Each structure stands twice: as C-alpha cells, then as structure tokens.
Protein backbone atom coordinates (compact mmCIF):
# COMPACT_ATOMS: atom_id res chain seq x y z
CA UNK A 1 -3.18 -12.00 25.77
CA UNK A 2 -4.42 -9.34 23.55
CA UNK A 3 -3.08 -9.05 19.99
CA UNK A 4 -1.33 -5.91 18.93
CA UNK A 5 -2.06 -3.87 15.70
CA UNK A 6 -0.06 -1.33 14.29
CA UNK A 7 -2.21 1.46 12.85
CA UNK A 8 -0.40 3.64 10.32
CA UNK A 9 -2.04 6.69 8.90
CA UNK A 10 -0.94 10.36 8.70
CA UNK A 11 -4.44 11.49 9.70
CA UNK A 12 -4.53 11.72 13.51
CA UNK A 13 -8.29 11.72 13.43
CA UNK A 14 -8.27 8.43 11.27
CA UNK A 15 -5.73 6.89 13.63
CA UNK A 16 -8.16 7.74 16.50
CA UNK A 17 -11.13 6.37 14.78
CA UNK A 18 -9.36 2.99 14.27
CA UNK A 19 -7.87 2.77 17.62
CA UNK A 20 -11.28 3.44 19.21
CA UNK A 21 -12.93 0.62 17.37
CA UNK A 22 -10.05 -1.97 17.81
CA UNK A 23 -9.36 -1.35 21.74
CA UNK A 24 -13.07 -1.49 22.17
CA UNK A 25 -13.10 -5.00 20.70
CA UNK A 26 -9.99 -6.08 22.72
CA UNK A 27 -7.07 -5.30 20.70
CA UNK A 28 -3.99 -3.25 21.86
CA UNK A 29 -3.09 -0.56 19.06
CA UNK A 30 0.32 1.00 18.21
CA UNK A 31 -0.07 4.33 16.39
CA UNK A 32 2.56 5.79 13.79
CA UNK A 33 2.12 8.60 11.57
CA UNK A 34 3.75 7.49 8.37
CA UNK A 35 5.82 4.40 7.04
CA UNK A 36 9.04 5.60 8.43
CA UNK A 37 7.75 5.82 12.02
CA UNK A 38 5.89 2.57 11.45
CA UNK A 39 9.01 0.71 10.42
CA UNK A 40 10.86 1.68 13.14
CA UNK A 41 7.96 0.71 15.62
CA UNK A 42 7.62 -2.52 13.80
CA UNK A 43 11.03 -3.37 14.35
CA UNK A 44 10.45 -3.47 18.05
CA UNK A 45 8.29 -6.57 17.38
CA UNK A 46 5.19 -8.02 18.74
CA UNK A 47 2.81 -6.86 16.11
CA UNK A 48 0.11 -9.25 15.21
CA UNK A 49 -1.17 -7.19 11.98
CA UNK A 50 -0.50 -3.99 10.27
CA UNK A 51 -3.29 -1.60 9.08
CA UNK A 52 -1.90 0.81 7.04
CA UNK A 53 -2.86 3.76 4.70
CA UNK A 54 -1.66 3.97 1.06
CA UNK A 55 -0.73 7.55 0.69
CA UNK A 56 1.40 9.21 3.54
CA UNK A 57 4.44 11.57 3.54
CA UNK A 58 7.96 10.24 4.12
CA UNK A 59 7.21 6.72 3.27
CA UNK A 60 3.84 5.39 1.59
CA UNK A 61 2.24 2.17 2.50
CA UNK A 62 3.30 0.29 -0.69
CA UNK A 63 7.16 1.20 0.44
CA UNK A 64 6.17 0.16 3.93
CA UNK A 65 4.81 -3.14 2.80
CA UNK A 66 7.75 -3.89 0.83
CA UNK A 67 10.11 -2.90 3.78
CA UNK A 68 8.21 -5.12 6.39
CA UNK A 69 8.16 -8.14 4.04
CA UNK A 70 11.78 -7.94 3.73
CA UNK A 71 12.19 -8.67 7.54
CA UNK A 72 12.01 -12.41 8.54
CA UNK A 73 9.66 -11.42 11.36
CA UNK A 74 7.07 -9.97 8.93
CA UNK A 75 6.58 -12.51 6.46
CA UNK A 76 3.37 -14.05 7.70
CA UNK A 77 2.01 -11.02 9.55
CA UNK A 78 -1.15 -9.73 7.78
CA UNK A 79 -0.86 -6.39 6.08
CA UNK A 80 -4.23 -4.57 5.52
CA UNK A 81 -4.61 -1.45 3.44
CA UNK A 82 -7.02 1.20 4.90
CA UNK A 83 -7.18 3.81 2.00
CA UNK A 84 -9.32 6.04 0.00
CA UNK A 85 -7.83 4.55 -3.29
CA UNK A 86 -10.02 1.93 -4.98
CA UNK A 87 -8.16 1.66 -8.26
CA UNK A 88 -7.63 -1.87 -9.54
CA UNK A 89 -4.23 -1.38 -10.37
CA UNK A 90 -3.13 -0.02 -7.10
CA UNK A 91 -4.95 -2.99 -5.70
CA UNK A 92 -2.71 -5.44 -7.69
CA UNK A 93 0.37 -3.56 -6.89
CA UNK A 94 -0.36 -4.04 -3.22
CA UNK A 95 -1.20 -7.69 -3.42
CA UNK A 96 2.25 -8.29 -5.36
CA UNK A 97 3.95 -6.17 -2.44
CA UNK A 98 2.56 -8.40 0.26
CA UNK A 99 -0.81 -7.09 1.41
CA UNK A 100 -3.23 -9.43 2.70
CA UNK A 101 -6.60 -7.41 2.26
CA UNK A 102 -7.73 -3.82 1.47
CA UNK A 103 -10.47 -1.72 3.00
CA UNK A 104 -11.61 1.47 1.47
CA UNK A 105 -12.28 4.53 3.64
CA UNK A 106 -14.60 5.47 4.78
CA UNK A 107 -15.14 2.25 6.32
CA UNK A 108 -17.95 0.93 8.57
CA UNK A 109 -16.44 -0.30 12.21
CA UNK A 110 -18.15 -3.65 11.70
CA UNK A 111 -16.36 -3.94 8.32
CA UNK A 112 -13.03 -3.35 9.92
CA UNK A 113 -13.43 -5.59 13.03
CA UNK A 114 -14.81 -8.34 10.59
CA UNK A 115 -11.65 -8.23 8.45
CA UNK A 116 -9.24 -8.02 11.59
CA UNK A 117 -11.36 -11.03 13.25
CA UNK A 118 -10.72 -12.96 9.78
CA UNK A 119 -7.12 -12.60 9.60
CA UNK A 120 -5.80 -12.54 13.27
CA UNK A 121 -8.76 -13.75 15.47
C-alpha cells in the first residue's frame, strides 16, 4: 500500500511540483493550502508524513507542527519543512516545535525523494 504524504504550501505551483515528484515515486499525496486546511485534513488520519512550508497565511508551518504534535496520532509522524528560510534560529525553533528535517527551496527532486525515503521508506 502506498504511503500518504500531506503537502502543505500556499503556492499551488510548489504543491504541484512536490506532488509530481512524490506520486512519480509511488507515494499518495494530499494537498493543503495552509496550516488550517492541513490540520483539518490531517485529523482525518492515514498520513505517513507531513511536508510543510513555513510562511503561509491563516496558520504558518510552526503553528501547524505544534498543533499536529499535540495530537496523539501525530507524535511519531515525520514532519519536514520545505521552505525558502535557511536561518539557523528558525531551524532551531522548528526542531523544538517537533520538525524532523528541513529542506530549503528551491530543492532538487532527488534531494526531496532522498529525505522522504530516509524518513518513511
């Protein structure tokens, strides 16, 4: 059975790029346009990994991670930031909120797939 990845980004073109890379590698992808949308979709369950942007309207990536980590079903689910931010203090804040890894945009498809394979197989 394919593993499902929740892709959260306010940019539809970024979601499309990520979705094409992941579905091409055999993963199922659920798309969300911001943290609020993602939280609603995540609560339906069945998500193996979350890939989220940091800067988004309504609910940013850090708030999303904190909200997901508060849910028992998301204690051990890998959450990866995919963002243009590369600031060390932001990375530290993300780690303390519960982020598993950090990929800086623009990313290489091979880099994204490498990280995904490492965390969920």
